């Protein structure tokens, strides 16, 4: 059988090499190649799963998460302020008195703080996503890029979630004075003062508008401190659920009310339509121009990216999955009740 030139040359080279090795009496080993360097050349149609590739994958997911976290501003700042926490909890004794200037006659009137009266304990928050090893094998990481983007969005919304929870529970959750945040009997200088209404928000007629939105404005502007000094508060933000958007817009933006009468409340406040409010009838009127807002976000640890990528982890061995997500520590509390009036809208 005839042999081609390539086969003949190969046989000749092999013979020469064997002869040389035999004469030298020395066995020459082929250079060692690390197993980790060999595998990439043997991987077809997928991605090699090793420490370096896992690190690269999760570094990319962290970048996507952080970009989404920064790029998604919340709306909570409109009605809430942030207090940085430095421990497991914070004492809000300073909320026990609404500070106002008074004429100095005789000795100064010292306003004592009720220490330990209102302590807010930080809570843990998290969102966690599993990354299947088979998806890495099959190079199907696009779905996790989207998950990282969504996790970043969710983390950026944490202050909004905290503040929305405060608002939705404001008729049944207590504030600094031990009363519900929206209540009819806050004690001021021995008298009961209300920041709670039941009126249906209405733009039907001047009388209906006065009995709802107008009543809330008047209540806030009449609030006084313990010494009887007016707090000089002017409400500037009306917050409603989507179901009351058209009524709220009519009150704040239209020249005429529903009955075609002049609208005295046009331009008296900004409008916030909050889809996270759980009641279709409740609405709120806030004062947001002060240094302190009606609601407070207590932030101990801002949302940050975390991951579980060790190949020796039990979840990797037992369930063939890695994990990433976000963790945070924070809570929310009510500020001065005098900065907001709420109505159940029950009529």
C-alpha atoms as a PDB file:
ATOM      1  CA  UNK A   1       0.000   0.000   0.000  1.00  0.00           C
ATOM      2  CA  UNK A   2       1.405   3.344  -0.979  1.00  0.00           C
ATOM      3  CA  UNK A   3       2.003   5.901   1.746  1.00  0.00           C
ATOM      4  CA  UNK A   4       1.750   9.646   1.266  1.00  0.00           C
ATOM      5  CA  UNK A   5       4.699  11.903   1.965  1.00  0.00           C
ATOM      6  CA  UNK A   6       3.270  13.220   5.285  1.00  0.00           C
ATOM      7  CA  UNK A   7       2.932   9.701   6.726  1.00  0.00           C
ATOM      8  CA  UNK A   8       6.408   8.750   5.627  1.00  0.00           C
ATOM      9  CA  UNK A   9       7.906  11.918   7.160  1.00  0.00           C
ATOM     10  CA  UNK A  10       6.118  11.284  10.424  1.00  0.00           C
ATOM     11  CA  UNK A  11       7.432   7.754  10.664  1.00  0.00           C
ATOM     12  CA  UNK A  12      10.969   8.941   9.947  1.00  0.00           C
ATOM     13  CA  UNK A  13      10.822  11.617  12.659  1.00  0.00           C
ATOM     14  CA  UNK A  14       9.508   9.096  15.134  1.00  0.00           C
ATOM     15  CA  UNK A  15      12.317   6.672  14.326  1.00  0.00           C
ATOM     16  CA  UNK A  16      14.963   9.397  14.737  1.00  0.00           C
ATOM     17  CA  UNK A  17      13.525  10.521  18.065  1.00  0.00           C
ATOM     18  CA  UNK A  18      13.400   6.934  19.384  1.00  0.00           C
ATOM     19  CA  UNK A  19      16.966   6.345  18.290  1.00  0.00           C
ATOM     20  CA  UNK A  20      18.234   9.518  19.954  1.00  0.00           C
ATOM     21  CA  UNK A  21      16.495   8.712  23.226  1.00  0.00           C
ATOM     22  CA  UNK A  22      17.910   5.184  23.162  1.00  0.00           C
ATOM     23  CA  UNK A  23      21.471   6.355  22.603  1.00  0.00           C
ATOM     24  CA  UNK A  24      21.282   9.005  25.302  1.00  0.00           C
ATOM     25  CA  UNK A  25      19.835   6.594  27.831  1.00  0.00           C
ATOM     26  CA  UNK A  26      17.680   9.432  29.095  1.00  0.00           C
ATOM     27  CA  UNK A  27      13.905   9.492  29.178  1.00  0.00           C
ATOM     28  CA  UNK A  28      12.605  12.917  28.206  1.00  0.00           C
ATOM     29  CA  UNK A  29       9.092  13.693  29.497  1.00  0.00           C
ATOM     30  CA  UNK A  30       6.726  16.042  27.725  1.00  0.00           C
ATOM     31  CA  UNK A  31       6.271  19.385  29.505  1.00  0.00           C
ATOM     32  CA  UNK A  32       3.601  19.181  32.226  1.00  0.00           C
ATOM     33  CA  UNK A  33       0.422  21.129  31.533  1.00  0.00           C
ATOM     34  CA  UNK A  34      -1.735  22.218  34.464  1.00  0.00           C
ATOM     35  CA  UNK A  35      -5.177  20.646  34.377  1.00  0.00           C
ATOM     36  CA  UNK A  36      -6.840  24.042  34.766  1.00  0.00           C
ATOM     37  CA  UNK A  37      -5.102  25.248  31.585  1.00  0.00           C
ATOM     38  CA  UNK A  38      -6.020  22.140  29.665  1.00  0.00           C
ATOM     39  CA  UNK A  39      -9.764  22.217  30.325  1.00  0.00           C
ATOM     40  CA  UNK A  40     -10.670  25.446  28.459  1.00  0.00           C
ATOM     41  CA  UNK A  41      -9.443  23.933  25.226  1.00  0.00           C
ATOM     42  CA  UNK A  42     -11.742  20.965  25.846  1.00  0.00           C
ATOM     43  CA  UNK A  43     -14.917  22.923  26.630  1.00  0.00           C
ATOM     44  CA  UNK A  44     -17.376  23.126  23.768  1.00  0.00           C
ATOM     45  CA  UNK A  45     -20.688  25.043  23.571  1.00  0.00           C
ATOM     46  CA  UNK A  46     -20.615  26.370  27.157  1.00  0.00           C
ATOM     47  CA  UNK A  47     -18.620  28.088  29.869  1.00  0.00           C
ATOM     48  CA  UNK A  48     -16.019  26.524  32.104  1.00  0.00           C
ATOM     49  CA  UNK A  49     -17.040  26.583  35.762  1.00  0.00           C
ATOM     50  CA  UNK A  50     -13.995  27.344  37.882  1.00  0.00           C
ATOM     51  CA  UNK A  51     -12.987  29.865  40.535  1.00  0.00           C
ATOM     52  CA  UNK A  52     -11.850  32.476  38.017  1.00  0.00           C
ATOM     53  CA  UNK A  53     -14.968  32.291  35.846  1.00  0.00           C
ATOM     54  CA  UNK A  54     -17.297  32.397  38.877  1.00  0.00           C
ATOM     55  CA  UNK A  55     -15.468  35.453  40.208  1.00  0.00           C
ATOM     56  CA  UNK A  56     -15.775  37.178  36.839  1.00  0.00           C
ATOM     57  CA  UNK A  57     -19.472  36.359  36.539  1.00  0.00           C
ATOM     58  CA  UNK A  58     -20.384  37.736  39.972  1.00  0.00           C
ATOM     59  CA  UNK A  59     -18.219  40.819  39.524  1.00  0.00           C
ATOM     60  CA  UNK A  60     -20.312  41.582  36.447  1.00  0.00           C
ATOM     61  CA  UNK A  61     -23.561  40.992  38.326  1.00  0.00           C
ATOM     62  CA  UNK A  62     -22.381  43.306  41.122  1.00  0.00           C
ATOM     63  CA  UNK A  63     -21.650  46.057  38.583  1.00  0.00           C
ATOM     64  CA  UNK A  64     -25.119  45.717  37.059  1.00  0.00           C
ATOM     65  CA  UNK A  65     -26.697  45.770  40.538  1.00  0.00           C
ATOM     66  CA  UNK A  66     -24.790  48.866  41.662  1.00  0.00           C
ATOM     67  CA  UNK A  67     -25.560  50.744  38.445  1.00  0.00           C
ATOM     68  CA  UNK A  68     -29.281  50.055  38.879  1.00  0.00           C
ATOM     69  CA  UNK A  69     -29.108  51.017  42.550  1.00  0.00           C
ATOM     70  CA  UNK A  70     -27.652  54.428  41.723  1.00  0.00           C
ATOM     71  CA  UNK A  71     -29.792  55.065  38.652  1.00  0.00           C
ATOM     72  CA  UNK A  72     -33.175  54.505  40.329  1.00  0.00           C
ATOM     73  CA  UNK A  73     -34.057  57.462  42.582  1.00  0.00           C
ATOM     74  CA  UNK A  74     -36.980  57.040  44.932  1.00  0.00           C
ATOM     75  CA  UNK A  75     -39.792  59.445  45.786  1.00  0.00           C
ATOM     76  CA  UNK A  76     -39.652  58.979  49.534  1.00  0.00           C
ATOM     77  CA  UNK A  77     -37.619  62.164  50.084  1.00  0.00           C
ATOM     78  CA  UNK A  78     -40.696  64.249  49.330  1.00  0.00           C
ATOM     79  CA  UNK A  79     -42.347  63.332  52.640  1.00  0.00           C
ATOM     80  CA  UNK A  80     -39.615  61.670  54.704  1.00  0.00           C
ATOM     81  CA  UNK A  81     -36.164  62.421  56.067  1.00  0.00           C
ATOM     82  CA  UNK A  82     -33.222  60.084  56.630  1.00  0.00           C
ATOM     83  CA  UNK A  83     -31.552  59.563  59.992  1.00  0.00           C
ATOM     84  CA  UNK A  84     -28.247  57.672  59.980  1.00  0.00           C
ATOM     85  CA  UNK A  85     -28.142  54.996  62.669  1.00  0.00           C
ATOM     86  CA  UNK A  86     -24.881  54.014  64.365  1.00  0.00           C
ATOM     87  CA  UNK A  87     -26.085  51.113  66.492  1.00  0.00           C
ATOM     88  CA  UNK A  88     -28.761  48.459  66.901  1.00  0.00           C
ATOM     89  CA  UNK A  89     -31.363  51.113  67.714  1.00  0.00           C
ATOM     90  CA  UNK A  90     -31.838  54.864  68.096  1.00  0.00           C
ATOM     91  CA  UNK A  91     -33.601  56.937  70.764  1.00  0.00           C
ATOM     92  CA  UNK A  92     -35.886  59.666  69.396  1.00  0.00           C
ATOM     93  CA  UNK A  93     -36.360  61.665  72.568  1.00  0.00           C
ATOM     94  CA  UNK A  94     -35.977  64.839  70.495  1.00  0.00           C
ATOM     95  CA  UNK A  95     -39.353  64.136  68.922  1.00  0.00           C
ATOM     96  CA  UNK A  96     -41.108  64.624  72.271  1.00  0.00           C
ATOM     97  CA  UNK A  97     -41.112  68.422  71.883  1.00  0.00           C
ATOM     98  CA  UNK A  98     -41.830  70.572  68.861  1.00  0.00           C
ATOM     99  CA  UNK A  99     -39.215  73.356  69.317  1.00  0.00           C
ATOM    100  CA  UNK A 100     -40.400  76.955  68.938  1.00  0.00           C
ATOM    101  CA  UNK A 101     -38.931  80.320  69.892  1.00  0.00           C
ATOM    102  CA  UNK A 102     -40.599  82.256  72.718  1.00  0.00           C
ATOM    103  CA  UNK A 103     -40.039  85.609  74.350  1.00  0.00           C
ATOM    104  CA  UNK A 104     -37.391  85.418  77.076  1.00  0.00           C
ATOM    105  CA  UNK A 105     -38.995  86.799  80.228  1.00  0.00           C
ATOM    106  CA  UNK A 106     -37.316  85.927  83.498  1.00  0.00           C
ATOM    107  CA  UNK A 107     -35.578  82.538  83.505  1.00  0.00           C
ATOM    108  CA  UNK A 108     -35.376  80.415  80.384  1.00  0.00           C
ATOM    109  CA  UNK A 109     -38.069  77.776  79.969  1.00  0.00           C
ATOM    110  CA  UNK A 110     -36.170  74.482  79.661  1.00  0.00           C
ATOM    111  CA  UNK A 111     -37.831  71.869  77.461  1.00  0.00           C
ATOM    112  CA  UNK A 112     -36.836  68.466  78.821  1.00  0.00           C
ATOM    113  CA  UNK A 113     -36.626  65.429  76.565  1.00  0.00           C
ATOM    114  CA  UNK A 114     -38.287  62.173  77.522  1.00  0.00           C
ATOM    115  CA  UNK A 115     -35.252  59.880  77.200  1.00  0.00           C
ATOM    116  CA  UNK A 116     -35.967  56.299  76.158  1.00  0.00           C
ATOM    117  CA  UNK A 117     -39.589  57.057  75.368  1.00  0.00           C
ATOM    118  CA  UNK A 118     -39.390  56.197  71.691  1.00  0.00           C
ATOM    119  CA  UNK A 119     -36.699  53.766  70.541  1.00  0.00           C
ATOM    120  CA  UNK A 120     -36.541  52.411  66.990  1.00  0.00           C
ATOM    121  CA  UNK A 121     -34.758  49.088  66.453  1.00  0.00           C
ATOM    122  CA  UNK A 122     -33.125  48.442  63.087  1.00  0.00           C
ATOM    123  CA  UNK A 123     -34.552  45.602  61.014  1.00  0.00           C
ATOM    124  CA  UNK A 124     -32.877  43.274  58.517  1.00  0.00           C
ATOM    125  CA  UNK A 125     -33.842  43.390  54.831  1.00  0.00           C
ATOM    126  CA  UNK A 126     -32.782  41.114  51.986  1.00  0.00           C
ATOM    127  CA  UNK A 127     -33.433  39.853  48.472  1.00  0.00           C
ATOM    128  CA  UNK A 128     -31.701  36.672  47.253  1.00  0.00           C
ATOM    129  CA  UNK A 129     -31.403  35.039  43.821  1.00  0.00           C
ATOM    130  CA  UNK A 130     -30.067  31.537  43.055  1.00  0.00           C
ATOM    131  CA  UNK A 131     -27.753  31.015  40.068  1.00  0.00           C
ATOM    132  CA  UNK A 132     -27.885  27.434  38.770  1.00  0.00           C
ATOM    133  CA  UNK A 133     -24.546  25.880  37.887  1.00  0.00           C
ATOM    134  CA  UNK A 134     -26.112  24.299  34.816  1.00  0.00           C
ATOM    135  CA  UNK A 135     -26.988  27.765  33.512  1.00  0.00           C
ATOM    136  CA  UNK A 136     -23.317  28.712  33.820  1.00  0.00           C
ATOM    137  CA  UNK A 137     -22.338  25.478  32.058  1.00  0.00           C
ATOM    138  CA  UNK A 138     -24.763  26.319  29.261  1.00  0.00           C
ATOM    139  CA  UNK A 139     -23.725  29.976  29.093  1.00  0.00           C
ATOM    140  CA  UNK A 140     -27.242  31.204  29.902  1.00  0.00           C
ATOM    141  CA  UNK A 141     -26.207  34.165  32.065  1.00  0.00           C
ATOM    142  CA  UNK A 142     -28.383  36.765  30.343  1.00  0.00           C
ATOM    143  CA  UNK A 143     -31.316  35.876  32.587  1.00  0.00           C
ATOM    144  CA  UNK A 144     -29.217  36.662  35.677  1.00  0.00           C
ATOM    145  CA  UNK A 145     -28.101  40.011  34.288  1.00  0.00           C
ATOM    146  CA  UNK A 146     -31.794  40.936  34.242  1.00  0.00           C
ATOM    147  CA  UNK A 147     -32.231  39.579  37.765  1.00  0.00           C
ATOM    148  CA  UNK A 148     -29.292  41.672  38.991  1.00  0.00           C
ATOM    149  CA  UNK A 149     -30.843  44.741  37.362  1.00  0.00           C
ATOM    150  CA  UNK A 150     -34.171  44.043  39.070  1.00  0.00           C
ATOM    151  CA  UNK A 151     -32.444  43.414  42.420  1.00  0.00           C
ATOM    152  CA  UNK A 152     -30.721  46.800  42.124  1.00  0.00           C
ATOM    153  CA  UNK A 153     -34.073  48.438  41.398  1.00  0.00           C
ATOM    154  CA  UNK A 154     -35.645  46.684  44.391  1.00  0.00           C
ATOM    155  CA  UNK A 155     -32.803  47.725  46.695  1.00  0.00           C
ATOM    156  CA  UNK A 156     -33.124  51.355  45.629  1.00  0.00           C
ATOM    157  CA  UNK A 157     -36.817  51.214  46.586  1.00  0.00           C
ATOM    158  CA  UNK A 158     -36.170  50.153  50.187  1.00  0.00           C
ATOM    159  CA  UNK A 159     -36.728  53.659  51.670  1.00  0.00           C
ATOM    160  CA  UNK A 160     -39.947  53.965  49.654  1.00  0.00           C
ATOM    161  CA  UNK A 161     -41.117  50.578  50.942  1.00  0.00           C
ATOM    162  CA  UNK A 162     -40.416  51.646  54.527  1.00  0.00           C
ATOM    163  CA  UNK A 163     -42.185  54.994  54.174  1.00  0.00           C
ATOM    164  CA  UNK A 164     -45.174  53.486  52.334  1.00  0.00           C
ATOM    165  CA  UNK A 165     -45.569  50.973  55.151  1.00  0.00           C
ATOM    166  CA  UNK A 166     -45.651  53.833  57.663  1.00  0.00           C
ATOM    167  CA  UNK A 167     -48.338  55.628  55.681  1.00  0.00           C
ATOM    168  CA  UNK A 168     -50.501  52.542  55.181  1.00  0.00           C
ATOM    169  CA  UNK A 169     -50.416  51.837  58.914  1.00  0.00           C
ATOM    170  CA  UNK A 170     -50.659  55.403  60.138  1.00  0.00           C
ATOM    171  CA  UNK A 171     -54.251  55.115  61.384  1.00  0.00           C
ATOM    172  CA  UNK A 172     -53.421  52.098  63.560  1.00  0.00           C
ATOM    173  CA  UNK A 173     -49.716  52.509  64.473  1.00  0.00           C
ATOM    174  CA  UNK A 174     -48.431  54.658  67.331  1.00  0.00           C
ATOM    175  CA  UNK A 175     -46.061  57.596  67.188  1.00  0.00           C
ATOM    176  CA  UNK A 176     -43.888  59.401  69.706  1.00  0.00           C
ATOM    177  CA  UNK A 177     -46.803  60.426  71.955  1.00  0.00           C
ATOM    178  CA  UNK A 178     -48.229  56.917  72.264  1.00  0.00           C
ATOM    179  CA  UNK A 179     -51.237  57.789  70.091  1.00  0.00           C
ATOM    180  CA  UNK A 180     -51.907  56.569  66.586  1.00  0.00           C
ATOM    181  CA  UNK A 181     -50.006  58.801  64.184  1.00  0.00           C
ATOM    182  CA  UNK A 182     -53.343  59.971  62.736  1.00  0.00           C
ATOM    183  CA  UNK A 183     -55.634  60.332  65.739  1.00  0.00           C
ATOM    184  CA  UNK A 184     -58.323  62.559  67.209  1.00  0.00           C
ATOM    185  CA  UNK A 185     -56.884  62.976  70.687  1.00  0.00           C
ATOM    186  CA  UNK A 186     -53.248  63.987  70.672  1.00  0.00           C
ATOM    187  CA  UNK A 187     -52.574  65.776  73.936  1.00  0.00           C
ATOM    188  CA  UNK A 188     -51.292  69.357  73.673  1.00  0.00           C
ATOM    189  CA  UNK A 189     -51.246  71.502  76.824  1.00  0.00           C
ATOM    190  CA  UNK A 190     -53.898  69.264  78.365  1.00  0.00           C
ATOM    191  CA  UNK A 191     -56.286  69.482  75.402  1.00  0.00           C
ATOM    192  CA  UNK A 192     -57.104  66.936  72.691  1.00  0.00           C
ATOM    193  CA  UNK A 193     -55.982  67.882  69.196  1.00  0.00           C
ATOM    194  CA  UNK A 194     -56.881  65.956  66.042  1.00  0.00           C
ATOM    195  CA  UNK A 195     -54.922  65.320  62.859  1.00  0.00           C
ATOM    196  CA  UNK A 196     -57.373  62.683  61.671  1.00  0.00           C
ATOM    197  CA  UNK A 197     -60.381  63.178  59.393  1.00  0.00           C
ATOM    198  CA  UNK A 198     -62.909  60.834  57.848  1.00  0.00           C
ATOM    199  CA  UNK A 199     -64.041  63.167  55.051  1.00  0.00           C
ATOM    200  CA  UNK A 200     -64.214  61.941  51.470  1.00  0.00           C
ATOM    201  CA  UNK A 201     -61.857  63.970  49.273  1.00  0.00           C
ATOM    202  CA  UNK A 202     -64.174  65.941  47.029  1.00  0.00           C
ATOM    203  CA  UNK A 203     -64.084  68.574  44.309  1.00  0.00           C
ATOM    204  CA  UNK A 204     -67.842  68.524  43.741  1.00  0.00           C
ATOM    205  CA  UNK A 205     -68.749  71.887  45.254  1.00  0.00           C
ATOM    206  CA  UNK A 206     -67.079  74.601  47.356  1.00  0.00           C
ATOM    207  CA  UNK A 207     -68.759  73.170  50.455  1.00  0.00           C
ATOM    208  CA  UNK A 208     -67.569  69.627  49.723  1.00  0.00           C
ATOM    209  CA  UNK A 209     -64.023  70.806  48.985  1.00  0.00           C
ATOM    210  CA  UNK A 210     -63.994  72.872  52.188  1.00  0.00           C
ATOM    211  CA  UNK A 211     -65.237  69.924  54.268  1.00  0.00           C
ATOM    212  CA  UNK A 212     -62.399  67.690  53.026  1.00  0.00           C
ATOM    213  CA  UNK A 213     -59.247  69.301  51.641  1.00  0.00           C
ATOM    214  CA  UNK A 214     -60.068  72.678  53.192  1.00  0.00           C
ATOM    215  CA  UNK A 215     -60.626  71.136  56.629  1.00  0.00           C
ATOM    216  CA  UNK A 216     -57.223  69.407  56.495  1.00  0.00           C
ATOM    217  CA  UNK A 217     -55.493  72.682  55.556  1.00  0.00           C
ATOM    218  CA  UNK A 218     -57.180  74.560  58.369  1.00  0.00           C
ATOM    219  CA  UNK A 219     -56.342  71.867  60.930  1.00  0.00           C
ATOM    220  CA  UNK A 220     -52.625  72.004  60.157  1.00  0.00           C
ATOM    221  CA  UNK A 221     -52.485  75.792  60.151  1.00  0.00           C
ATOM    222  CA  UNK A 222     -54.187  75.918  63.591  1.00  0.00           C
ATOM    223  CA  UNK A 223     -51.721  73.627  65.375  1.00  0.00           C
ATOM    224  CA  UNK A 224     -49.974  75.158  68.415  1.00  0.00           C
ATOM    225  CA  UNK A 225     -47.190  74.065  70.752  1.00  0.00           C
ATOM    226  CA  UNK A 226     -47.406  73.292  74.484  1.00  0.00           C
ATOM    227  CA  UNK A 227     -47.098  76.999  75.344  1.00  0.00           C
ATOM    228  CA  UNK A 228     -49.937  77.974  73.013  1.00  0.00           C
ATOM    229  CA  UNK A 229     -47.651  79.429  70.330  1.00  0.00           C
ATOM    230  CA  UNK A 230     -48.832  78.852  66.727  1.00  0.00           C
ATOM    231  CA  UNK A 231     -46.553  76.427  64.887  1.00  0.00           C
ATOM    232  CA  UNK A 232     -46.916  78.513  61.714  1.00  0.00           C
ATOM    233  CA  UNK A 233     -47.295  75.443  59.530  1.00  0.00           C
ATOM    234  CA  UNK A 234     -48.555  75.658  55.954  1.00  0.00           C
ATOM    235  CA  UNK A 235     -49.326  72.355  54.187  1.00  0.00           C
ATOM    236  CA  UNK A 236     -47.756  71.966  50.763  1.00  0.00           C
ATOM    237  CA  UNK A 237     -48.206  68.347  49.572  1.00  0.00           C
ATOM    238  CA  UNK A 238     -51.378  66.345  48.950  1.00  0.00           C
ATOM    239  CA  UNK A 239     -50.843  62.584  48.658  1.00  0.00           C
ATOM    240  CA  UNK A 240     -53.497  60.274  47.247  1.00  0.00           C
ATOM    241  CA  UNK A 241     -53.913  56.743  45.873  1.00  0.00           C
ATOM    242  CA  UNK A 242     -54.524  56.314  42.106  1.00  0.00           C
ATOM    243  CA  UNK A 243     -58.286  56.096  42.731  1.00  0.00           C
ATOM    244  CA  UNK A 244     -58.332  59.742  43.901  1.00  0.00           C
ATOM    245  CA  UNK A 245     -55.978  61.170  41.281  1.00  0.00           C
ATOM    246  CA  UNK A 246     -58.640  62.913  39.190  1.00  0.00           C
ATOM    247  CA  UNK A 247     -60.274  64.518  42.238  1.00  0.00           C
ATOM    248  CA  UNK A 248     -56.914  65.676  43.588  1.00  0.00           C
ATOM    249  CA  UNK A 249     -55.912  67.147  40.223  1.00  0.00           C
ATOM    250  CA  UNK A 250     -59.198  69.030  40.035  1.00  0.00           C
ATOM    251  CA  UNK A 251     -58.607  70.518  43.508  1.00  0.00           C
ATOM    252  CA  UNK A 252     -55.010  71.555  42.869  1.00  0.00           C
ATOM    253  CA  UNK A 253     -54.892  72.342  39.164  1.00  0.00           C
ATOM    254  CA  UNK A 254     -58.296  73.388  37.835  1.00  0.00           C
ATOM    255  CA  UNK A 255     -59.782  76.878  37.771  1.00  0.00           C
ATOM    256  CA  UNK A 256     -63.252  75.460  38.411  1.00  0.00           C
ATOM    257  CA  UNK A 257     -64.717  72.791  40.649  1.00  0.00           C
ATOM    258  CA  UNK A 258     -67.120  70.129  39.358  1.00  0.00           C
ATOM    259  CA  UNK A 259     -70.122  72.468  39.659  1.00  0.00           C
ATOM    260  CA  UNK A 260     -68.279  75.129  37.631  1.00  0.00           C
ATOM    261  CA  UNK A 261     -67.756  77.346  40.662  1.00  0.00           C
ATOM    262  CA  UNK A 262     -64.353  79.031  41.223  1.00  0.00           C
ATOM    263  CA  UNK A 263     -61.748  76.787  42.816  1.00  0.00           C
ATOM    264  CA  UNK A 264     -60.109  78.512  45.818  1.00  0.00           C
ATOM    265  CA  UNK A 265     -57.512  75.751  46.269  1.00  0.00           C
ATOM    266  CA  UNK A 266     -55.793  75.808  42.908  1.00  0.00           C
ATOM    267  CA  UNK A 267     -52.004  75.804  43.340  1.00  0.00           C
ATOM    268  CA  UNK A 268     -52.102  75.404  47.122  1.00  0.00           C
ATOM    269  CA  UNK A 269     -50.098  72.159  47.169  1.00  0.00           C
ATOM    270  CA  UNK A 270     -48.055  69.718  45.115  1.00  0.00           C
ATOM    271  CA  UNK A 271     -49.667  66.396  44.203  1.00  0.00           C
ATOM    272  CA  UNK A 272     -48.224  62.953  44.871  1.00  0.00           C
ATOM    273  CA  UNK A 273     -50.085  59.977  43.412  1.00  0.00           C
ATOM    274  CA  UNK A 274     -48.753  56.958  45.284  1.00  0.00           C
ATOM    275  CA  UNK A 275     -49.578  53.527  43.788  1.00  0.00           C
ATOM    276  CA  UNK A 276     -48.294  51.814  46.953  1.00  0.00           C
ATOM    277  CA  UNK A 277     -51.119  53.156  49.129  1.00  0.00           C
ATOM    278  CA  UNK A 278     -53.394  50.255  49.988  1.00  0.00           C
ATOM    279  CA  UNK A 279     -56.592  52.220  50.614  1.00  0.00           C
ATOM    280  CA  UNK A 280     -58.557  53.656  47.695  1.00  0.00           C
ATOM    281  CA  UNK A 281     -60.213  56.251  49.940  1.00  0.00           C
ATOM    282  CA  UNK A 282     -57.521  57.449  52.369  1.00  0.00           C
ATOM    283  CA  UNK A 283     -55.603  60.651  51.567  1.00  0.00           C
ATOM    284  CA  UNK A 284     -52.981  62.769  53.314  1.00  0.00           C
ATOM    285  CA  UNK A 285     -51.954  66.408  53.479  1.00  0.00           C
ATOM    286  CA  UNK A 286     -48.339  67.051  54.529  1.00  0.00           C
ATOM    287  CA  UNK A 287     -45.962  69.834  55.524  1.00  0.00           C
ATOM    288  CA  UNK A 288     -42.662  69.062  53.792  1.00  0.00           C
ATOM    289  CA  UNK A 289     -40.888  72.429  53.911  1.00  0.00           C
ATOM    290  CA  UNK A 290     -39.380  71.947  57.382  1.00  0.00           C
ATOM    291  CA  UNK A 291     -36.041  70.366  58.291  1.00  0.00           C
ATOM    292  CA  UNK A 292     -37.963  67.467  59.831  1.00  0.00           C
ATOM    293  CA  UNK A 293     -40.481  65.596  57.685  1.00  0.00           C
ATOM    294  CA  UNK A 294     -43.608  63.715  58.810  1.00  0.00           C
ATOM    295  CA  UNK A 295     -41.884  60.333  58.323  1.00  0.00           C
ATOM    296  CA  UNK A 296     -38.358  59.140  59.094  1.00  0.00           C
ATOM    297  CA  UNK A 297     -36.188  56.466  57.469  1.00  0.00           C
ATOM    298  CA  UNK A 298     -33.608  55.176  59.942  1.00  0.00           C
ATOM    299  CA  UNK A 299     -30.702  53.754  57.911  1.00  0.00           C
ATOM    300  CA  UNK A 300     -28.094  51.539  59.615  1.00  0.00           C
ATOM    301  CA  UNK A 301     -26.671  49.796  56.528  1.00  0.00           C
ATOM    302  CA  UNK A 302     -27.595  50.824  53.010  1.00  0.00           C
ATOM    303  CA  UNK A 303     -28.472  48.055  50.533  1.00  0.00           C
ATOM    304  CA  UNK A 304     -25.317  46.354  49.324  1.00  0.00           C
ATOM    305  CA  UNK A 305     -24.537  43.488  46.942  1.00  0.00           C
ATOM    306  CA  UNK A 306     -23.697  40.143  48.559  1.00  0.00           C
ATOM    307  CA  UNK A 307     -22.864  36.789  46.976  1.00  0.00           C
ATOM    308  CA  UNK A 308     -22.149  33.171  47.860  1.00  0.00           C
ATOM    309  CA  UNK A 309     -19.679  31.843  45.325  1.00  0.00           C
ATOM    310  CA  UNK A 310     -17.439  29.325  47.107  1.00  0.00           C
ATOM    311  CA  UNK A 311     -17.319  26.070  45.156  1.00  0.00           C
ATOM    312  CA  UNK A 312     -16.999  24.242  48.508  1.00  0.00           C
ATOM    313  CA  UNK A 313     -20.313  25.602  49.797  1.00  0.00           C
ATOM    314  CA  UNK A 314     -22.977  23.023  50.667  1.00  0.00           C
ATOM    315  CA  UNK A 315     -25.540  24.585  48.334  1.00  0.00           C
ATOM    316  CA  UNK A 316     -23.147  24.188  45.415  1.00  0.00           C
ATOM    317  CA  UNK A 317     -22.489  20.541  46.270  1.00  0.00           C
ATOM    318  CA  UNK A 318     -26.061  19.550  47.175  1.00  0.00           C
ATOM    319  CA  UNK A 319     -28.143  21.765  44.880  1.00  0.00           C
ATOM    320  CA  UNK A 320     -25.645  22.950  42.237  1.00  0.00           C
ATOM    321  CA  UNK A 321     -26.451  26.609  42.808  1.00  0.00           C
ATOM    322  CA  UNK A 322     -24.681  29.825  43.727  1.00  0.00           C
ATOM    323  CA  UNK A 323     -26.429  32.891  45.176  1.00  0.00           C
ATOM    324  CA  UNK A 324     -26.390  36.675  45.000  1.00  0.00           C
ATOM    325  CA  UNK A 325     -28.617  39.462  46.241  1.00  0.00           C
ATOM    326  CA  UNK A 326     -28.752  42.454  48.542  1.00  0.00           C
ATOM    327  CA  UNK A 327     -28.774  43.025  52.287  1.00  0.00           C
ATOM    328  CA  UNK A 328     -29.609  46.098  54.375  1.00  0.00           C
ATOM    329  CA  UNK A 329     -30.475  47.192  57.906  1.00  0.00           C
ATOM    330  CA  UNK A 330     -33.036  49.941  58.381  1.00  0.00           C
ATOM    331  CA  UNK A 331     -36.419  50.810  59.812  1.00  0.00           C
ATOM    332  CA  UNK A 332     -39.000  53.591  59.696  1.00  0.00           C
ATOM    333  CA  UNK A 333     -40.662  55.736  62.352  1.00  0.00           C
ATOM    334  CA  UNK A 334     -43.188  58.525  62.551  1.00  0.00           C
ATOM    335  CA  UNK A 335     -41.986  62.087  62.969  1.00  0.00           C
ATOM    336  CA  UNK A 336     -44.036  65.002  64.309  1.00  0.00           C
ATOM    337  CA  UNK A 337     -47.750  64.252  63.862  1.00  0.00           C
ATOM    338  CA  UNK A 338     -48.347  67.999  63.534  1.00  0.00           C
ATOM    339  CA  UNK A 339     -46.741  67.867  60.063  1.00  0.00           C
ATOM    340  CA  UNK A 340     -49.524  65.798  58.520  1.00  0.00           C
ATOM    341  CA  UNK A 341     -53.272  65.317  58.502  1.00  0.00           C
ATOM    342  CA  UNK A 342     -54.758  62.079  57.252  1.00  0.00           C
ATOM    343  CA  UNK A 343     -58.313  61.160  56.291  1.00  0.00           C
ATOM    344  CA  UNK A 344     -59.671  57.640  56.064  1.00  0.00           C
ATOM    345  CA  UNK A 345     -62.054  58.878  53.367  1.00  0.00           C
ATOM    346  CA  UNK A 346     -64.742  56.676  54.910  1.00  0.00           C
ATOM    347  CA  UNK A 347     -67.178  59.578  55.150  1.00  0.00           C
END
